[in-house]
């Protein structure tokens, strides 16, 4: 675990992000007081973005009965 000051973190952020991505944990301090911990992000709950044209969900199946003409009773209920 490495400890750095806020000014150094701002000045060399790219370098420290690379180190964190390689497994290092970095504590950022203000004076001598620890302020933040910089660690690699990993979460199994984050879904990856779908690629263009990729199907995300199962296709919706619409039954053939949904396209059948309405009967006289149904037309009356709709006021048609």
PDB file of N, CA and C in Angstrom:
ATOM      1  N   UNK A   1       0.846  -1.163   0.000  1.00  0.00           N
ATOM      2  CA  UNK A   1       0.000   0.000   0.000  1.00  0.00           C
ATOM      3  C   UNK A   1       0.897   1.233   0.000  1.00  0.00           C
ATOM      4  N   UNK A   2       0.578   2.171  -0.885  1.00  0.00           N
ATOM      5  CA  UNK A   2       1.370   3.380  -1.048  1.00  0.00           C
ATOM      6  C   UNK A   2       0.566   4.563  -0.507  1.00  0.00           C
ATOM      7  N   UNK A   3       1.247   5.553   0.082  1.00  0.00           N
ATOM      8  CA  UNK A   3       0.606   6.761   0.593  1.00  0.00           C
ATOM      9  C   UNK A   3       1.165   7.972  -0.130  1.00  0.00           C
ATOM     10  N   UNK A   4       0.261   8.830  -0.657  1.00  0.00           N
ATOM     11  CA  UNK A   4       0.694  10.028  -1.375  1.00  0.00           C
ATOM     12  C   UNK A   4      -0.140  11.223  -0.912  1.00  0.00           C
ATOM     13  N   UNK A   5       0.371  12.433  -1.133  1.00  0.00           N
ATOM     14  CA  UNK A   5      -0.348  13.662  -0.796  1.00  0.00           C
ATOM     15  C   UNK A   5      -1.301  14.042  -1.930  1.00  0.00           C
ATOM     16  N   UNK A   6      -2.281  14.872  -1.633  1.00  0.00           N
ATOM     17  CA  UNK A   6      -3.276  15.268  -2.643  1.00  0.00           C
ATOM     18  C   UNK A   6      -2.621  15.960  -3.834  1.00  0.00           C
ATOM     19  N   UNK A   7      -1.656  16.814  -3.587  1.00  0.00           N
ATOM     20  CA  UNK A   7      -0.988  17.519  -4.693  1.00  0.00           C
ATOM     21  C   UNK A   7      -0.307  16.523  -5.633  1.00  0.00           C
ATOM     22  N   UNK A   8       0.365  15.553  -5.070  1.00  0.00           N
ATOM     23  CA  UNK A   8       1.037  14.542  -5.884  1.00  0.00           C
ATOM     24  C   UNK A   8       0.012  13.711  -6.660  1.00  0.00           C
ATOM     25  N   UNK A   9      -1.117  13.426  -6.029  1.00  0.00           N
ATOM     26  CA  UNK A   9      -2.183  12.662  -6.702  1.00  0.00           C
ATOM     27  C   UNK A   9      -2.711  13.434  -7.904  1.00  0.00           C
ATOM     28  N   UNK A  10      -2.919  14.739  -7.751  1.00  0.00           N
ATOM     29  CA  UNK A  10      -3.405  15.565  -8.859  1.00  0.00           C
ATOM     30  C   UNK A  10      -2.377  15.655  -9.976  1.00  0.00           C
ATOM     31  N   UNK A  11      -1.113  15.803  -9.604  1.00  0.00           N
ATOM     32  CA  UNK A  11      -0.052  15.991 -10.585  1.00  0.00           C
ATOM     33  C   UNK A  11       0.226  14.734 -11.394  1.00  0.00           C
ATOM     34  N   UNK A  12       0.156  13.566 -10.754  1.00  0.00           N
ATOM     35  CA  UNK A  12       0.539  12.312 -11.403  1.00  0.00           C
ATOM     36  C   UNK A  12      -0.609  11.292 -11.413  1.00  0.00           C
ATOM     37  N   UNK A  13      -1.830  11.760 -11.601  1.00  0.00           N
ATOM     38  CA  UNK A  13      -2.993  10.869 -11.517  1.00  0.00           C
ATOM     39  C   UNK A  13      -2.893   9.691 -12.497  1.00  0.00           C
ATOM     40  N   UNK A  14      -2.510   9.951 -13.733  1.00  0.00           N
ATOM     41  CA  UNK A  14      -2.426   8.863 -14.724  1.00  0.00           C
ATOM     42  C   UNK A  14      -1.483   7.758 -14.262  1.00  0.00           C
ATOM     43  N   UNK A  15      -0.346   8.130 -13.705  1.00  0.00           N
ATOM     44  CA  UNK A  15       0.620   7.145 -13.220  1.00  0.00           C
ATOM     45  C   UNK A  15       0.006   6.298 -12.106  1.00  0.00           C
ATOM     46  N   UNK A  16      -0.689   6.949 -11.175  1.00  0.00           N
ATOM     47  CA  UNK A  16      -1.268   6.216 -10.047  1.00  0.00           C
ATOM     48  C   UNK A  16      -2.451   5.349 -10.477  1.00  0.00           C
ATOM     49  N   UNK A  17      -3.204   5.797 -11.469  1.00  0.00           N
ATOM     50  CA  UNK A  17      -4.285   4.959 -11.988  1.00  0.00           C
ATOM     51  C   UNK A  17      -3.726   3.693 -12.630  1.00  0.00           C
ATOM     52  N   UNK A  18      -2.602   3.820 -13.313  1.00  0.00           N
ATOM     53  CA  UNK A  18      -1.960   2.640 -13.910  1.00  0.00           C
ATOM     54  C   UNK A  18      -1.515   1.671 -12.813  1.00  0.00           C
ATOM     55  N   UNK A  19      -0.929   2.211 -11.751  1.00  0.00           N
ATOM     56  CA  UNK A  19      -0.486   1.351 -10.647  1.00  0.00           C
ATOM     57  C   UNK A  19      -1.674   0.651  -9.991  1.00  0.00           C
ATOM     58  N   UNK A  20      -2.771   1.382  -9.823  1.00  0.00           N
ATOM     59  CA  UNK A  20      -3.969   0.793  -9.215  1.00  0.00           C
ATOM     60  C   UNK A  20      -4.524  -0.312 -10.106  1.00  0.00           C
ATOM     61  N   UNK A  21      -4.511  -0.099 -11.412  1.00  0.00           N
ATOM     62  CA  UNK A  21      -5.021  -1.130 -12.326  1.00  0.00           C
ATOM     63  C   UNK A  21      -4.159  -2.388 -12.287  1.00  0.00           C
ATOM     64  N   UNK A  22      -2.923  -2.256 -11.823  1.00  0.00           N
ATOM     65  CA  UNK A  22      -2.020  -3.403 -11.688  1.00  0.00           C
ATOM     66  C   UNK A  22      -2.086  -4.038 -10.308  1.00  0.00           C
ATOM     67  N   UNK A  23      -3.015  -3.555  -9.443  1.00  0.00           N
ATOM     68  CA  UNK A  23      -3.228  -4.196  -8.153  1.00  0.00           C
ATOM     69  C   UNK A  23      -2.785  -3.400  -6.935  1.00  0.00           C
ATOM     70  N   UNK A  24      -2.150  -2.265  -7.134  1.00  0.00           N
ATOM     71  CA  UNK A  24      -1.686  -1.427  -6.019  1.00  0.00           C
ATOM     72  C   UNK A  24      -2.874  -0.712  -5.370  1.00  0.00           C
ATOM     73  N   UNK A  25      -2.817  -0.498  -4.063  1.00  0.00           N
ATOM     74  CA  UNK A  25      -3.786   0.320  -3.343  1.00  0.00           C
ATOM     75  C   UNK A  25      -3.060   1.572  -2.882  1.00  0.00           C
ATOM     76  N   UNK A  26      -3.673   2.733  -3.121  1.00  0.00           N
ATOM     77  CA  UNK A  26      -3.019   3.997  -2.801  1.00  0.00           C
ATOM     78  C   UNK A  26      -3.903   4.795  -1.848  1.00  0.00           C
ATOM     79  N   UNK A  27      -3.299   5.269  -0.756  1.00  0.00           N
ATOM     80  CA  UNK A  27      -3.984   6.129   0.202  1.00  0.00           C
ATOM     81  C   UNK A  27      -3.597   7.568  -0.118  1.00  0.00           C
ATOM     82  N   UNK A  28      -4.587   8.433  -0.277  1.00  0.00           N
ATOM     83  CA  UNK A  28      -4.339   9.853  -0.541  1.00  0.00           C
ATOM     84  C   UNK A  28      -4.561  10.612   0.764  1.00  0.00           C
ATOM     85  N   UNK A  29      -3.568  11.441   1.128  1.00  0.00           N
ATOM     86  CA  UNK A  29      -3.641  12.155   2.398  1.00  0.00           C
ATOM     87  C   UNK A  29      -3.684  13.661   2.182  1.00  0.00           C
ATOM     88  N   UNK A  30      -4.261  14.338   3.131  1.00  0.00           N
ATOM     89  CA  UNK A  30      -4.188  15.793   3.202  1.00  0.00           C
ATOM     90  C   UNK A  30      -3.417  16.085   4.480  1.00  0.00           C
ATOM     91  N   UNK A  31      -2.193  16.565   4.325  1.00  0.00           N
ATOM     92  CA  UNK A  31      -1.296  16.666   5.477  1.00  0.00           C
ATOM     93  C   UNK A  31      -0.916  15.252   5.890  1.00  0.00           C
ATOM     94  N   UNK A  32      -1.170  14.900   7.127  1.00  0.00           N
ATOM     95  CA  UNK A  32      -0.902  13.532   7.594  1.00  0.00           C
ATOM     96  C   UNK A  32      -2.190  12.730   7.765  1.00  0.00           C
ATOM     97  N   UNK A  33      -3.313  13.366   7.459  1.00  0.00           N
ATOM     98  CA  UNK A  33      -4.610  12.716   7.665  1.00  0.00           C
ATOM     99  C   UNK A  33      -5.054  11.972   6.391  1.00  0.00           C
ATOM    100  N   UNK A  34      -5.310  10.653   6.464  1.00  0.00           N
ATOM    101  CA  UNK A  34      -5.807   9.910   5.297  1.00  0.00           C
ATOM    102  C   UNK A  34      -7.150  10.477   4.843  1.00  0.00           C
ATOM    103  N   UNK A  35      -7.271  10.690   3.544  1.00  0.00           N
ATOM    104  CA  UNK A  35      -8.461  11.312   2.987  1.00  0.00           C
ATOM    105  C   UNK A  35      -9.264  10.352   2.104  1.00  0.00           C
ATOM    106  N   UNK A  36      -8.550   9.554   1.321  1.00  0.00           N
ATOM    107  CA  UNK A  36      -9.235   8.662   0.384  1.00  0.00           C
ATOM    108  C   UNK A  36      -8.354   7.453   0.086  1.00  0.00           C
ATOM    109  N   UNK A  37      -9.020   6.396  -0.398  1.00  0.00           N
ATOM    110  CA  UNK A  37      -8.301   5.186  -0.807  1.00  0.00           C
ATOM    111  C   UNK A  37      -8.589   4.978  -2.290  1.00  0.00           C
ATOM    112  N   UNK A  38      -7.544   4.834  -3.079  1.00  0.00           N
ATOM    113  CA  UNK A  38      -7.664   4.603  -4.509  1.00  0.00           C
ATOM    114  C   UNK A  38      -7.430   3.119  -4.764  1.00  0.00           C
ATOM    115  N   UNK A  39      -8.484   2.428  -5.207  1.00  0.00           N
ATOM    116  CA  UNK A  39      -8.404   0.988  -5.481  1.00  0.00           C
ATOM    117  C   UNK A  39      -9.022   0.714  -6.841  1.00  0.00           C
ATOM    118  N   UNK A  40      -8.689  -0.411  -7.416  1.00  0.00           N
ATOM    119  CA  UNK A  40      -9.255  -0.797  -8.707  1.00  0.00           C
ATOM    120  C   UNK A  40     -10.740  -1.085  -8.553  1.00  0.00           C
ATOM    121  N   UNK A  41     -11.512  -0.699  -9.544  1.00  0.00           N
ATOM    122  CA  UNK A  41     -12.953  -0.917  -9.531  1.00  0.00           C
ATOM    123  C   UNK A  41     -13.266  -2.279 -10.112  1.00  0.00           C
ATOM    124  N   UNK A  42     -14.043  -3.052  -9.378  1.00  0.00           N
ATOM    125  CA  UNK A  42     -14.529  -4.323  -9.904  1.00  0.00           C
ATOM    126  C   UNK A  42     -15.860  -4.623  -9.236  1.00  0.00           C
ATOM    127  N   UNK A  43     -16.851  -4.844 -10.046  1.00  0.00           N
ATOM    128  CA  UNK A  43     -18.171  -5.148  -9.517  1.00  0.00           C
ATOM    129  C   UNK A  43     -18.853  -6.156 -10.429  1.00  0.00           C
ATOM    130  N   UNK A  44     -19.260  -7.289  -9.883  1.00  0.00           N
ATOM    131  CA  UNK A  44     -19.936  -8.284 -10.723  1.00  0.00           C
ATOM    132  C   UNK A  44     -21.340  -7.843 -11.123  1.00  0.00           C
ATOM    133  N   UNK A  45     -21.886  -6.807 -10.464  1.00  0.00           N
ATOM    134  CA  UNK A  45     -23.245  -6.363 -10.753  1.00  0.00           C
ATOM    135  C   UNK A  45     -23.324  -5.390 -11.914  1.00  0.00           C
ATOM    136  N   UNK A  46     -22.191  -4.933 -12.422  1.00  0.00           N
ATOM    137  CA  UNK A  46     -22.197  -3.983 -13.519  1.00  0.00           C
ATOM    138  C   UNK A  46     -22.318  -4.763 -14.822  1.00  0.00           C
ATOM    139  N   UNK A  47     -23.392  -4.517 -15.543  1.00  0.00           N
ATOM    140  CA  UNK A  47     -23.618  -5.223 -16.802  1.00  0.00           C
ATOM    141  C   UNK A  47     -22.789  -4.567 -17.902  1.00  0.00           C
ATOM    142  N   UNK A  48     -22.262  -5.374 -18.772  1.00  0.00           N
ATOM    143  CA  UNK A  48     -21.506  -4.812 -19.881  1.00  0.00           C
ATOM    144  C   UNK A  48     -22.465  -4.209 -20.896  1.00  0.00           C
ATOM    145  N   UNK A  49     -21.991  -3.235 -21.634  1.00  0.00           N
ATOM    146  CA  UNK A  49     -22.821  -2.595 -22.645  1.00  0.00           C
ATOM    147  C   UNK A  49     -23.016  -3.541 -23.823  1.00  0.00           C
ATOM    148  N   UNK A  50     -24.222  -3.606 -24.361  1.00  0.00           N
ATOM    149  CA  UNK A  50     -24.431  -4.459 -25.534  1.00  0.00           C
ATOM    150  C   UNK A  50     -23.771  -3.832 -26.766  1.00  0.00           C
ATOM    151  N   UNK A  51     -23.370  -4.674 -27.678  1.00  0.00           N
ATOM    152  CA  UNK A  51     -22.808  -4.195 -28.939  1.00  0.00           C
ATOM    153  C   UNK A  51     -23.946  -3.826 -29.874  1.00  0.00           C
ATOM    154  N   UNK A  52     -23.657  -3.034 -30.874  1.00  0.00           N
ATOM    155  CA  UNK A  52     -24.668  -2.604 -31.831  1.00  0.00           C
ATOM    156  C   UNK A  52     -25.267  -3.835 -32.500  1.00  0.00           C
ATOM    157  N   UNK A  53     -26.587  -3.931 -32.475  1.00  0.00           N
ATOM    158  CA  UNK A  53     -27.292  -5.047 -33.093  1.00  0.00           C
ATOM    159  C   UNK A  53     -27.433  -6.264 -32.206  1.00  0.00           C
ATOM    160  N   UNK A  54     -26.835  -6.255 -31.021  1.00  0.00           N
ATOM    161  CA  UNK A  54     -26.916  -7.397 -30.112  1.00  0.00           C
ATOM    162  C   UNK A  54     -28.270  -7.400 -29.402  1.00  0.00           C
ATOM    163  N   UNK A  55     -28.881  -8.563 -29.295  1.00  0.00           N
ATOM    164  CA  UNK A  55     -30.163  -8.703 -28.625  1.00  0.00           C
ATOM    165  C   UNK A  55     -29.930  -8.789 -27.125  1.00  0.00           C
ATOM    166  N   UNK A  56     -30.622  -7.915 -26.366  1.00  0.00           N
ATOM    167  CA  UNK A  56     -30.431  -7.883 -24.922  1.00  0.00           C
ATOM    168  C   UNK A  56     -31.378  -8.832 -24.190  1.00  0.00           C
ATOM    169  N   UNK A  57     -32.608  -8.926 -24.647  1.00  0.00           N
ATOM    170  CA  UNK A  57     -33.612  -9.766 -23.999  1.00  0.00           C
ATOM    171  C   UNK A  57     -34.157 -10.777 -24.996  1.00  0.00           C
ATOM    172  N   UNK A  58     -34.933 -11.707 -24.471  1.00  0.00           N
ATOM    173  CA  UNK A  58     -35.588 -12.669 -25.349  1.00  0.00           C
ATOM    174  C   UNK A  58     -36.605 -11.926 -26.219  1.00  0.00           C
ATOM    175  N   UNK A  59     -36.813 -12.363 -27.449  1.00  0.00           N
ATOM    176  CA  UNK A  59     -37.814 -11.725 -28.302  1.00  0.00           C
ATOM    177  C   UNK A  59     -39.214 -11.893 -27.711  1.00  0.00           C
ATOM    178  N   UNK A  60     -40.036 -10.891 -27.901  1.00  0.00           N
ATOM    179  CA  UNK A  60     -41.421 -10.930 -27.417  1.00  0.00           C
ATOM    180  C   UNK A  60     -42.242 -11.747 -28.410  1.00  0.00           C
ATOM    181  N   UNK A  61     -42.996 -12.690 -27.913  1.00  0.00           N
ATOM    182  CA  UNK A  61     -43.863 -13.510 -28.762  1.00  0.00           C
ATOM    183  C   UNK A  61     -45.293 -13.011 -28.621  1.00  0.00           C
ATOM    184  N   UNK A  62     -45.888 -12.608 -29.723  1.00  0.00           N
ATOM    185  CA  UNK A  62     -47.272 -12.150 -29.718  1.00  0.00           C
ATOM    186  C   UNK A  62     -48.127 -13.267 -30.310  1.00  0.00           C
ATOM    187  N   UNK A  63     -49.130 -13.728 -29.548  1.00  0.00           N
ATOM    188  CA  UNK A  63     -49.955 -14.830 -30.055  1.00  0.00           C
ATOM    189  C   UNK A  63     -50.775 -14.396 -31.267  1.00  0.00           C
ATOM    190  N   UNK A  64     -51.051 -15.359 -32.145  1.00  0.00           N
ATOM    191  CA  UNK A  64     -51.826 -15.074 -33.345  1.00  0.00           C
ATOM    192  C   UNK A  64     -53.217 -14.546 -33.004  1.00  0.00           C
ATOM    193  N   UNK A  65     -53.748 -14.944 -31.847  1.00  0.00           N
ATOM    194  CA  UNK A  65     -55.086 -14.487 -31.451  1.00  0.00           C
ATOM    195  C   UNK A  65     -55.133 -12.966 -31.273  1.00  0.00           C
ATOM    196  N   UNK A  66     -54.003 -12.341 -31.024  1.00  0.00           N
ATOM    197  CA  UNK A  66     -53.976 -10.885 -30.851  1.00  0.00           C
ATOM    198  C   UNK A  66     -54.288 -10.167 -32.157  1.00  0.00           C
ATOM    199  N   UNK A  67     -54.075 -10.837 -33.286  1.00  0.00           N
ATOM    200  CA  UNK A  67     -54.330 -10.225 -34.589  1.00  0.00           C
ATOM    201  C   UNK A  67     -55.662 -10.650 -35.189  1.00  0.00           C
ATOM    202  N   UNK A  68     -56.415 -11.468 -34.463  1.00  0.00           N
ATOM    203  CA  UNK A  68     -57.727 -11.912 -34.959  1.00  0.00           C
ATOM    204  C   UNK A  68     -58.707 -10.747 -34.886  1.00  0.00           C
ATOM    205  N   UNK A  69     -59.664 -10.711 -35.831  1.00  0.00           N
ATOM    206  CA  UNK A  69     -60.646  -9.622 -35.796  1.00  0.00           C
ATOM    207  C   UNK A  69     -61.512  -9.699 -34.541  1.00  0.00           C
ATOM    208  N   UNK A  70     -61.969  -8.542 -34.074  1.00  0.00           N
ATOM    209  CA  UNK A  70     -62.829  -8.485 -32.895  1.00  0.00           C
ATOM    210  C   UNK A  70     -64.236  -8.955 -33.248  1.00  0.00           C
ATOM    211  N   UNK A  71     -64.854  -9.575 -32.262  1.00  0.00           N
ATOM    212  CA  UNK A  71     -66.245  -9.988 -32.442  1.00  0.00           C
ATOM    213  C   UNK A  71     -67.178  -8.807 -32.211  1.00  0.00           C
ATOM    214  N   UNK A  72     -68.432  -9.021 -32.464  1.00  0.00           N
ATOM    215  CA  UNK A  72     -69.439  -7.948 -32.337  1.00  0.00           C
ATOM    216  C   UNK A  72     -69.498  -7.438 -30.902  1.00  0.00           C
ATOM    217  N   UNK A  73     -69.426  -8.342 -29.903  1.00  0.00           N
ATOM    218  CA  UNK A  73     -69.471  -7.932 -28.503  1.00  0.00           C
ATOM    219  C   UNK A  73     -68.281  -7.059 -28.120  1.00  0.00           C
ATOM    220  N   UNK A  74     -67.105  -7.439 -28.582  1.00  0.00           N
ATOM    221  CA  UNK A  74     -65.913  -6.641 -28.291  1.00  0.00           C
ATOM    222  C   UNK A  74     -65.973  -5.266 -28.963  1.00  0.00           C
ATOM    223  N   UNK A  75     -66.477  -5.237 -30.178  1.00  0.00           N
ATOM    224  CA  UNK A  75     -66.603  -3.946 -30.864  1.00  0.00           C
ATOM    225  C   UNK A  75     -67.563  -3.032 -30.109  1.00  0.00           C
ATOM    226  N   UNK A  76     -68.651  -3.584 -29.576  1.00  0.00           N
ATOM    227  CA  UNK A  76     -69.602  -2.786 -28.788  1.00  0.00           C
ATOM    228  C   UNK A  76     -68.923  -2.262 -27.511  1.00  0.00           C
ATOM    229  N   UNK A  77     -68.114  -3.108 -26.857  1.00  0.00           N
ATOM    230  CA  UNK A  77     -67.419  -2.657 -25.638  1.00  0.00           C
ATOM    231  C   UNK A  77     -66.469  -1.499 -25.922  1.00  0.00           C
ATOM    232  N   UNK A  78     -65.863  -1.495 -27.084  1.00  0.00           N
ATOM    233  CA  UNK A  78     -64.965  -0.410 -27.470  1.00  0.00           C
ATOM    234  C   UNK A  78     -65.721   0.787 -28.046  1.00  0.00           C
ATOM    235  N   UNK A  79     -66.991   0.643 -28.240  1.00  0.00           N
ATOM    236  CA  UNK A  79     -67.805   1.733 -28.791  1.00  0.00           C
ATOM    237  C   UNK A  79     -67.608   1.903 -30.287  1.00  0.00           C
ATOM    238  N   UNK A  80     -67.292   0.793 -30.973  1.00  0.00           N
ATOM    239  CA  UNK A  80     -67.086   0.872 -32.422  1.00  0.00           C
ATOM    240  C   UNK A  80     -68.211   0.244 -33.177  1.00  0.00           C
TER     241      UNK A  80
END
